[in-house]
Structures are given as structure tokens and as C-alpha cells.
Amino acid sequence: MDFLTTVEVAQRLGVSPREVRRLATTGVLTPVKIGTSWTFSDTEVYRLQRQARHPGRLWSARTAWAALELLGGASTELIDQPRRSRLLARLRALEPQQLHRLAGKRTEVHRFHASDRGLSRLSRFVSPTGISAVADQATAQRFGLAGVASEKRVDGYTRVDLTIVVEKCRLVPDAAGNATVRQLPEGLAVDHLLGTAPVVAIDLMDSDDVRERGSGRDRLKELLDGV
């Protein structure tokens, strides 16, 4: 993993160094101190660049999860009937990349590095999604990712307090790390959607791996075409 200085990040994002420092203090970027200077992983900055190319208002977490439930072929009680109808019409007009961006508030994503032992512990705290979900061979076949799943990475949702998970699994913040922990929004009963095709697909699109992103995109395309 390469690291960028504050000035380099500012140039990449087209903002001032002061704005980069603000992004760091608000948690949008994760600073890594090398010597006396802040640096930032190029992977995390690239991820932020991709988001910045598509400005516009994102859906609320409730709307995002309602959309994923509708994509799975079910109705949803997360929103009322008039909004369900409007959301279905919107889904029919979306491309996978647009859906991925609009649903960006569906979860808080935290990335860490974990030892092999830490990953093993973490797998007991989370419901698998993304690359962890395709560890199941049937799921891997559906996503065209047979043989790609790795025991060296974990991606999953937890309702356990994040500080407890970090402590128990000895996780170290790392934007390009091997452990992704997702926190579900408070007050949303969406556990029944975890592990479903729309959720696994949209979470795969968060990956830094081109093949995994493409697999998630293609599966979302199939689901959108079926709405």
C-alpha cells in the first residue's frame, strides 16, 4: 500500500489541504502518522475519488434497504406504499453504479487489519457479506467467483458495539486491510436481508478488486433488469 501526503491528497481530490485535514478529523479519511506528518492510503483516497465523481443526494438508509428488499423480489414494510411505487419506478431506470452510489448510506463501513486469529474471531461476530458470502460454493457459482473467496479476508455486518469487536479481535484501523466491519443503522429491522443476493452484490461493489466489483455490478444488473 502506498501513502500520500496531505498536499498530494488535496491535489487528487481538488480541494485545499485544510479540507483534507477536516476530512481526517471527521473520519472520512483515516490518517496514518509517519514521523511528524499525516499520510493517507492511496486506496482510501481512490475510493473517495470514485464517490466524488458522482455528486448528488444519497438515499436515506431506510430507502436504501427498502430498495434492496424490492430488488430481491419481495415487498417491503420499510416505507409506505406511495414511496414503494416511486422507488420501484426509480429502480427500473437505474444502472448498477448509480444504485451503488445512491445506497451509500445503507451502512457504516469500517476497515481494519487483523491477524489470522483475529479474522477467525471476527467471523463469529459478523453476518457474512461481499467476499465472505461467496465462501459458500453455491453463492460463489451464482456470482461467477468460484475459487476467489479467501479465508484471509472477512467482510460482514455486526450489531455488536464496534469497540467490543475491535477489542476482542484486536483490529487495527487500515483502509486497505483484510477485515471489513459494517454497522447496520439503528432502528432498522433488516437482518432478514443479510446474505441475500442484492446485499451481497452491492457490498461486492465496495471491493477494491476489479473482478469482485464487476461480479457485484453484473448481479445487480440482472436484478435491476428483473424489476
C-alpha atoms as a PDB file:
ATOM      1  CA  MET A   1       0.000   0.000   0.000  1.00  0.00           C
ATOM      2  CA  ASP A   2       1.320   3.466  -0.937  1.00  0.00           C
ATOM      3  CA  PHE A   3       0.808   6.566   1.167  1.00  0.00           C
ATOM      4  CA  LEU A   4       0.102  10.131   0.091  1.00  0.00           C
ATOM      5  CA  THR A   5       0.889  13.402   1.831  1.00  0.00           C
ATOM      6  CA  THR A   6      -1.799  15.934   2.724  1.00  0.00           C
ATOM      7  CA  VAL A   7      -0.797  18.063  -0.265  1.00  0.00           C
ATOM      8  CA  GLU A   8      -0.923  15.074  -2.639  1.00  0.00           C
ATOM      9  CA  VAL A   9      -4.383  14.115  -1.376  1.00  0.00           C
ATOM     10  CA  ALA A  10      -5.558  17.704  -1.841  1.00  0.00           C
ATOM     11  CA  GLN A  11      -4.336  17.629  -5.453  1.00  0.00           C
ATOM     12  CA  ARG A  12      -6.038  14.292  -6.120  1.00  0.00           C
ATOM     13  CA  LEU A  13      -9.374  15.442  -4.703  1.00  0.00           C
ATOM     14  CA  GLY A  14      -9.182  19.000  -5.988  1.00  0.00           C
ATOM     15  CA  VAL A  15      -9.574  20.535  -2.527  1.00  0.00           C
ATOM     16  CA  SER A  16      -7.380  22.516  -0.131  1.00  0.00           C
ATOM     17  CA  PRO A  17      -5.013  20.882   2.395  1.00  0.00           C
ATOM     18  CA  ARG A  18      -7.258  22.352   5.087  1.00  0.00           C
ATOM     19  CA  GLU A  19     -10.216  20.410   3.679  1.00  0.00           C
ATOM     20  CA  VAL A  20      -8.125  17.227   3.712  1.00  0.00           C
ATOM     21  CA  ARG A  21      -7.397  17.797   7.407  1.00  0.00           C
ATOM     22  CA  ARG A  22     -11.127  18.320   8.016  1.00  0.00           C
ATOM     23  CA  LEU A  23     -11.921  15.035   6.234  1.00  0.00           C
ATOM     24  CA  ALA A  24      -9.400  13.337   8.505  1.00  0.00           C
ATOM     25  CA  THR A  25     -10.788  14.781  11.736  1.00  0.00           C
ATOM     26  CA  THR A  26     -14.369  13.869  10.764  1.00  0.00           C
ATOM     27  CA  GLY A  27     -13.449  10.264   9.933  1.00  0.00           C
ATOM     28  CA  VAL A  28     -13.943  10.431   6.164  1.00  0.00           C
ATOM     29  CA  LEU A  29     -10.219   9.783   5.720  1.00  0.00           C
ATOM     30  CA  THR A  30      -8.024   7.741   8.052  1.00  0.00           C
ATOM     31  CA  PRO A  31      -4.665   9.428   8.716  1.00  0.00           C
ATOM     32  CA  VAL A  32      -1.531   7.399   9.365  1.00  0.00           C
ATOM     33  CA  LYS A  33       1.250   9.267  11.126  1.00  0.00           C
ATOM     34  CA  ILE A  34       4.708   8.734   9.654  1.00  0.00           C
ATOM     35  CA  GLY A  35       7.270  10.712  11.573  1.00  0.00           C
ATOM     36  CA  THR A  36       5.649  14.068  12.275  1.00  0.00           C
ATOM     37  CA  SER A  37       3.414  14.120   9.183  1.00  0.00           C
ATOM     38  CA  TRP A  38      -0.032  12.823   8.368  1.00  0.00           C
ATOM     39  CA  THR A  39      -0.266  10.462   5.404  1.00  0.00           C
ATOM     40  CA  PHE A  40      -3.198   8.696   3.781  1.00  0.00           C
ATOM     41  CA  SER A  41      -3.520   5.406   1.922  1.00  0.00           C
ATOM     42  CA  ASP A  42      -3.870   5.794  -1.838  1.00  0.00           C
ATOM     43  CA  THR A  43      -6.552   3.075  -1.776  1.00  0.00           C
ATOM     44  CA  GLU A  44      -8.783   5.112   0.516  1.00  0.00           C
ATOM     45  CA  VAL A  45      -8.223   8.297  -1.474  1.00  0.00           C
ATOM     46  CA  TYR A  46      -9.057   6.477  -4.719  1.00  0.00           C
ATOM     47  CA  ARG A  47     -12.293   5.219  -3.124  1.00  0.00           C
ATOM     48  CA  LEU A  48     -13.212   8.764  -2.173  1.00  0.00           C
ATOM     49  CA  GLN A  49     -12.388   9.960  -5.699  1.00  0.00           C
ATOM     50  CA  ARG A  50     -14.830   7.426  -7.177  1.00  0.00           C
ATOM     51  CA  GLN A  51     -17.590   8.710  -4.921  1.00  0.00           C
ATOM     52  CA  ALA A  52     -16.820  12.343  -5.723  1.00  0.00           C
ATOM     53  CA  ARG A  53     -17.261  11.774  -9.464  1.00  0.00           C
ATOM     54  CA  HIS A  54     -20.991  11.282  -8.899  1.00  0.00           C
ATOM     55  CA  PRO A  55     -22.320  14.199  -6.843  1.00  0.00           C
ATOM     56  CA  GLY A  56     -25.905  14.349  -5.673  1.00  0.00           C
ATOM     57  CA  ARG A  57     -28.080  13.492  -2.726  1.00  0.00           C
ATOM     58  CA  LEU A  58     -27.880   9.928  -1.439  1.00  0.00           C
ATOM     59  CA  TRP A  59     -30.851   7.931  -0.229  1.00  0.00           C
ATOM     60  CA  SER A  60     -31.533   7.567   3.464  1.00  0.00           C
ATOM     61  CA  ALA A  61     -30.547   4.211   4.980  1.00  0.00           C
ATOM     62  CA  ARG A  62     -34.239   3.227   5.170  1.00  0.00           C
ATOM     63  CA  THR A  63     -34.812   3.923   1.478  1.00  0.00           C
ATOM     64  CA  ALA A  64     -31.605   2.101   0.522  1.00  0.00           C
ATOM     65  CA  TRP A  65     -32.616  -1.053   2.396  1.00  0.00           C
ATOM     66  CA  ALA A  66     -36.152  -0.846   1.020  1.00  0.00           C
ATOM     67  CA  ALA A  67     -34.656  -0.758  -2.483  1.00  0.00           C
ATOM     68  CA  LEU A  68     -32.539  -3.846  -1.771  1.00  0.00           C
ATOM     69  CA  GLU A  69     -35.572  -5.680  -0.413  1.00  0.00           C
ATOM     70  CA  LEU A  70     -37.573  -4.811  -3.539  1.00  0.00           C
ATOM     71  CA  LEU A  71     -34.680  -5.981  -5.720  1.00  0.00           C
ATOM     72  CA  GLY A  72     -34.904  -9.357  -4.028  1.00  0.00           C
ATOM     73  CA  GLY A  73     -38.448  -9.752  -5.321  1.00  0.00           C
ATOM     74  CA  ALA A  74     -40.261  -9.112  -2.050  1.00  0.00           C
ATOM     75  CA  SER A  75     -42.446  -6.265  -0.893  1.00  0.00           C
ATOM     76  CA  THR A  76     -41.124  -4.090   1.908  1.00  0.00           C
ATOM     77  CA  GLU A  77     -42.585  -2.610   5.056  1.00  0.00           C
ATOM     78  CA  LEU A  78     -39.704  -0.179   5.486  1.00  0.00           C
ATOM     79  CA  ILE A  79     -41.529   2.530   3.533  1.00  0.00           C
ATOM     80  CA  ASP A  80     -45.199   3.231   2.760  1.00  0.00           C
ATOM     81  CA  GLN A  81     -46.996   2.203  -0.431  1.00  0.00           C
ATOM     82  CA  PRO A  82     -46.719   5.515  -2.336  1.00  0.00           C
ATOM     83  CA  ARG A  83     -42.964   5.583  -1.759  1.00  0.00           C
ATOM     84  CA  ARG A  84     -42.670   1.903  -2.710  1.00  0.00           C
ATOM     85  CA  SER A  85     -44.261   2.644  -6.059  1.00  0.00           C
ATOM     86  CA  ARG A  86     -41.982   5.604  -6.699  1.00  0.00           C
ATOM     87  CA  LEU A  87     -38.929   3.614  -5.626  1.00  0.00           C
ATOM     88  CA  LEU A  88     -39.781   0.738  -7.967  1.00  0.00           C
ATOM     89  CA  ALA A  89     -40.094   3.182 -10.842  1.00  0.00           C
ATOM     90  CA  ARG A  90     -36.726   4.682  -9.920  1.00  0.00           C
ATOM     91  CA  LEU A  91     -35.060   1.281  -9.765  1.00  0.00           C
ATOM     92  CA  ARG A  92     -36.217   0.464 -13.289  1.00  0.00           C
ATOM     93  CA  ALA A  93     -34.281   3.481 -14.562  1.00  0.00           C
ATOM     94  CA  LEU A  94     -31.019   2.874 -12.659  1.00  0.00           C
ATOM     95  CA  GLU A  95     -27.714   1.328 -13.631  1.00  0.00           C
ATOM     96  CA  PRO A  96     -25.801  -0.699 -11.004  1.00  0.00           C
ATOM     97  CA  GLN A  97     -23.201   2.028 -10.429  1.00  0.00           C
ATOM     98  CA  GLN A  98     -25.964   4.563  -9.777  1.00  0.00           C
ATOM     99  CA  LEU A  99     -27.697   2.249  -7.326  1.00  0.00           C
ATOM    100  CA  HIS A 100     -24.428   1.603  -5.517  1.00  0.00           C
ATOM    101  CA  ARG A 101     -23.839   5.318  -5.079  1.00  0.00           C
ATOM    102  CA  LEU A 102     -27.407   6.157  -4.042  1.00  0.00           C
ATOM    103  CA  ALA A 103     -27.375   3.390  -1.410  1.00  0.00           C
ATOM    104  CA  GLY A 104     -24.112   4.611   0.098  1.00  0.00           C
ATOM    105  CA  LYS A 105     -25.735   5.402   3.456  1.00  0.00           C
ATOM    106  CA  ARG A 106     -27.081   1.874   3.950  1.00  0.00           C
ATOM    107  CA  THR A 107     -24.265   1.025   6.355  1.00  0.00           C
ATOM    108  CA  GLU A 108     -21.229   2.428   8.113  1.00  0.00           C
ATOM    109  CA  VAL A 109     -18.132   0.691   6.774  1.00  0.00           C
ATOM    110  CA  HIS A 110     -15.018   0.278   8.924  1.00  0.00           C
ATOM    111  CA  ARG A 111     -11.852  -1.321   7.583  1.00  0.00           C
ATOM    112  CA  PHE A 112      -9.140  -2.935   9.674  1.00  0.00           C
ATOM    113  CA  HIS A 113      -6.142  -5.216   9.592  1.00  0.00           C
ATOM    114  CA  ALA A 114      -6.449  -8.426  11.608  1.00  0.00           C
ATOM    115  CA  SER A 115      -4.180 -11.369  12.302  1.00  0.00           C
ATOM    116  CA  ASP A 116      -5.295 -14.849  11.233  1.00  0.00           C
ATOM    117  CA  ARG A 117      -6.534 -15.432  14.767  1.00  0.00           C
ATOM    118  CA  GLY A 118      -8.330 -12.089  14.761  1.00  0.00           C
ATOM    119  CA  LEU A 119     -10.058 -12.931  11.474  1.00  0.00           C
ATOM    120  CA  SER A 120     -11.217 -16.244  12.902  1.00  0.00           C
ATOM    121  CA  ARG A 121     -12.696 -14.468  15.920  1.00  0.00           C
ATOM    122  CA  LEU A 122     -14.248 -11.750  13.762  1.00  0.00           C
ATOM    123  CA  SER A 123     -16.108 -14.312  11.657  1.00  0.00           C
ATOM    124  CA  ARG A 124     -18.068 -15.239  14.805  1.00  0.00           C
ATOM    125  CA  PHE A 125     -19.176 -11.633  15.357  1.00  0.00           C
ATOM    126  CA  VAL A 126     -20.482 -10.839  11.874  1.00  0.00           C
ATOM    127  CA  SER A 127     -23.020 -11.960   9.296  1.00  0.00           C
ATOM    128  CA  PRO A 128     -21.006 -12.560   6.096  1.00  0.00           C
ATOM    129  CA  THR A 129     -21.452 -10.429   3.017  1.00  0.00           C
ATOM    130  CA  GLY A 130     -19.390  -9.454  -0.008  1.00  0.00           C
ATOM    131  CA  ILE A 131     -16.383 -11.708  -0.494  1.00  0.00           C
ATOM    132  CA  SER A 132     -17.125 -13.601   2.748  1.00  0.00           C
ATOM    133  CA  ALA A 133     -20.559 -14.570   1.455  1.00  0.00           C
ATOM    134  CA  VAL A 134     -19.095 -16.226  -1.631  1.00  0.00           C
ATOM    135  CA  ALA A 135     -17.130 -18.615   0.570  1.00  0.00           C
ATOM    136  CA  ASP A 136     -20.267 -20.704   0.126  1.00  0.00           C
ATOM    137  CA  GLN A 137     -19.752 -22.566  -3.150  1.00  0.00           C
ATOM    138  CA  ALA A 138     -23.345 -22.191  -4.356  1.00  0.00           C
ATOM    139  CA  THR A 139     -23.177 -18.428  -3.838  1.00  0.00           C
ATOM    140  CA  ALA A 140     -19.762 -18.296  -5.475  1.00  0.00           C
ATOM    141  CA  GLN A 141     -21.137 -20.044  -8.566  1.00  0.00           C
ATOM    142  CA  ARG A 142     -24.049 -17.592  -8.822  1.00  0.00           C
ATOM    143  CA  PHE A 143     -21.645 -14.675  -8.678  1.00  0.00           C
ATOM    144  CA  GLY A 144     -19.066 -16.194 -11.004  1.00  0.00           C
ATOM    145  CA  LEU A 145     -16.439 -16.084  -8.274  1.00  0.00           C
ATOM    146  CA  ALA A 146     -15.742 -19.771  -7.684  1.00  0.00           C
ATOM    147  CA  GLY A 147     -12.267 -20.157  -6.256  1.00  0.00           C
ATOM    148  CA  VAL A 148     -11.892 -16.473  -5.424  1.00  0.00           C
ATOM    149  CA  ALA A 149     -13.080 -16.481  -1.806  1.00  0.00           C
ATOM    150  CA  SER A 150     -10.257 -16.234   0.695  1.00  0.00           C
ATOM    151  CA  GLU A 151     -10.008 -17.176   4.355  1.00  0.00           C
ATOM    152  CA  LYS A 152      -7.585 -14.259   4.658  1.00  0.00           C
ATOM    153  CA  ARG A 153     -10.395 -11.687   4.417  1.00  0.00           C
ATOM    154  CA  VAL A 154     -13.611 -11.128   6.335  1.00  0.00           C
ATOM    155  CA  ASP A 155     -16.479  -8.828   5.347  1.00  0.00           C
ATOM    156  CA  GLY A 156     -19.606  -8.773   7.455  1.00  0.00           C
ATOM    157  CA  TYR A 157     -22.332  -6.945   9.377  1.00  0.00           C
ATOM    158  CA  THR A 158     -22.384  -6.647  13.151  1.00  0.00           C
ATOM    159  CA  ARG A 159     -24.821  -5.190  15.678  1.00  0.00           C
ATOM    160  CA  VAL A 160     -22.315  -5.663  18.491  1.00  0.00           C
ATOM    161  CA  ASP A 161     -20.708  -2.417  19.631  1.00  0.00           C
ATOM    162  CA  LEU A 162     -17.760  -1.733  17.355  1.00  0.00           C
ATOM    163  CA  THR A 163     -15.395  -1.049  20.245  1.00  0.00           C
ATOM    164  CA  ILE A 164     -16.086  -4.541  21.591  1.00  0.00           C
ATOM    165  CA  VAL A 165     -15.410  -6.132  18.198  1.00  0.00           C
ATOM    166  CA  VAL A 166     -12.170  -4.166  17.814  1.00  0.00           C
ATOM    167  CA  GLU A 167     -11.002  -5.179  21.286  1.00  0.00           C
ATOM    168  CA  LYS A 168     -11.965  -8.852  21.083  1.00  0.00           C
ATOM    169  CA  CYS A 169     -10.480  -9.325  17.606  1.00  0.00           C
ATOM    170  CA  ARG A 170      -7.541  -6.935  18.070  1.00  0.00           C
ATOM    171  CA  LEU A 171      -8.371  -4.989  14.939  1.00  0.00           C
ATOM    172  CA  VAL A 172      -6.115  -2.174  13.731  1.00  0.00           C
ATOM    173  CA  PRO A 173      -7.621   0.588  11.505  1.00  0.00           C
ATOM    174  CA  ASP A 174      -6.370   0.117   7.956  1.00  0.00           C
ATOM    175  CA  ALA A 175      -8.104   1.477   4.847  1.00  0.00           C
ATOM    176  CA  ALA A 176      -6.668  -1.373   2.765  1.00  0.00           C
ATOM    177  CA  GLY A 177      -6.974  -4.015   5.474  1.00  0.00           C
ATOM    178  CA  ASN A 178      -8.283  -7.580   5.365  1.00  0.00           C
ATOM    179  CA  ALA A 179     -11.257  -7.044   7.684  1.00  0.00           C
ATOM    180  CA  THR A 180     -14.389  -5.046   6.824  1.00  0.00           C
ATOM    181  CA  VAL A 181     -16.943  -4.492   9.579  1.00  0.00           C
ATOM    182  CA  ARG A 182     -20.293  -2.996   8.648  1.00  0.00           C
ATOM    183  CA  GLN A 183     -22.666  -1.469  11.190  1.00  0.00           C
ATOM    184  CA  LEU A 184     -26.376  -1.542  10.486  1.00  0.00           C
ATOM    185  CA  PRO A 185     -28.405   1.625  11.131  1.00  0.00           C
ATOM    186  CA  GLU A 186     -30.146   1.793  14.484  1.00  0.00           C
ATOM    187  CA  GLY A 187     -33.861   1.092  14.418  1.00  0.00           C
ATOM    188  CA  LEU A 188     -33.976  -0.708  11.064  1.00  0.00           C
ATOM    189  CA  ALA A 189     -35.097  -4.348  11.147  1.00  0.00           C
ATOM    190  CA  VAL A 190     -33.176  -5.587   8.114  1.00  0.00           C
ATOM    191  CA  ASP A 191     -31.410  -8.669   9.477  1.00  0.00           C
ATOM    192  CA  HIS A 192     -33.540 -10.872   7.212  1.00  0.00           C
ATOM    193  CA  LEU A 193     -31.913  -9.214   4.186  1.00  0.00           C
ATOM    194  CA  LEU A 194     -28.342 -10.066   5.145  1.00  0.00           C
ATOM    195  CA  GLY A 195     -26.826 -12.628   2.808  1.00  0.00           C
ATOM    196  CA  THR A 196     -29.423 -12.055   0.091  1.00  0.00           C
ATOM    197  CA  ALA A 197     -28.255 -11.573  -3.489  1.00  0.00           C
ATOM    198  CA  PRO A 198     -28.888  -7.786  -3.676  1.00  0.00           C
ATOM    199  CA  VAL A 199     -26.980  -7.129  -0.451  1.00  0.00           C
ATOM    200  CA  VAL A 200     -24.037  -9.385  -1.302  1.00  0.00           C
ATOM    201  CA  ALA A 201     -23.874  -7.835  -4.773  1.00  0.00           C
ATOM    202  CA  ILE A 202     -23.913  -4.211  -3.667  1.00  0.00           C
ATOM    203  CA  ASP A 203     -21.331  -4.931  -0.963  1.00  0.00           C
ATOM    204  CA  LEU A 204     -19.066  -6.598  -3.525  1.00  0.00           C
ATOM    205  CA  MET A 205     -19.113  -3.298  -5.388  1.00  0.00           C
ATOM    206  CA  ASP A 206     -17.283  -1.759  -2.404  1.00  0.00           C
ATOM    207  CA  SER A 207     -14.303  -4.011  -3.130  1.00  0.00           C
ATOM    208  CA  ASP A 208     -11.001  -2.667  -4.387  1.00  0.00           C
ATOM    209  CA  ASP A 209     -10.673  -5.794  -6.549  1.00  0.00           C
ATOM    210  CA  VAL A 210     -11.811  -5.259 -10.150  1.00  0.00           C
ATOM    211  CA  ARG A 211     -13.161  -8.788 -10.588  1.00  0.00           C
ATOM    212  CA  GLU A 212     -15.175  -8.654  -7.377  1.00  0.00           C
ATOM    213  CA  ARG A 213     -16.624  -5.235  -8.234  1.00  0.00           C
ATOM    214  CA  GLY A 214     -17.533  -6.485 -11.693  1.00  0.00           C
ATOM    215  CA  SER A 215     -19.255  -9.541 -10.269  1.00  0.00           C
ATOM    216  CA  GLY A 216     -21.363  -7.397  -7.943  1.00  0.00           C
ATOM    217  CA  ARG A 217     -22.179  -4.998 -10.777  1.00  0.00           C
ATOM    218  CA  ASP A 218     -23.260  -7.807 -13.126  1.00  0.00           C
ATOM    219  CA  ARG A 219     -25.501  -9.416 -10.483  1.00  0.00           C
ATOM    220  CA  LEU A 220     -27.101  -6.077  -9.657  1.00  0.00           C
ATOM    221  CA  LYS A 221     -27.697  -5.521 -13.376  1.00  0.00           C
ATOM    222  CA  GLU A 222     -29.585  -8.832 -13.578  1.00  0.00           C
ATOM    223  CA  LEU A 223     -31.681  -7.897 -10.551  1.00  0.00           C
ATOM    224  CA  LEU A 224     -32.444  -4.408 -11.868  1.00  0.00           C
ATOM    225  CA  ASP A 225     -33.465  -5.818 -15.240  1.00  0.00           C
ATOM    226  CA  GLY A 226     -35.918  -8.079 -13.421  1.00  0.00           C
ATOM    227  CA  VAL A 227     -37.720  -5.300 -11.540  1.00  0.00           C
END
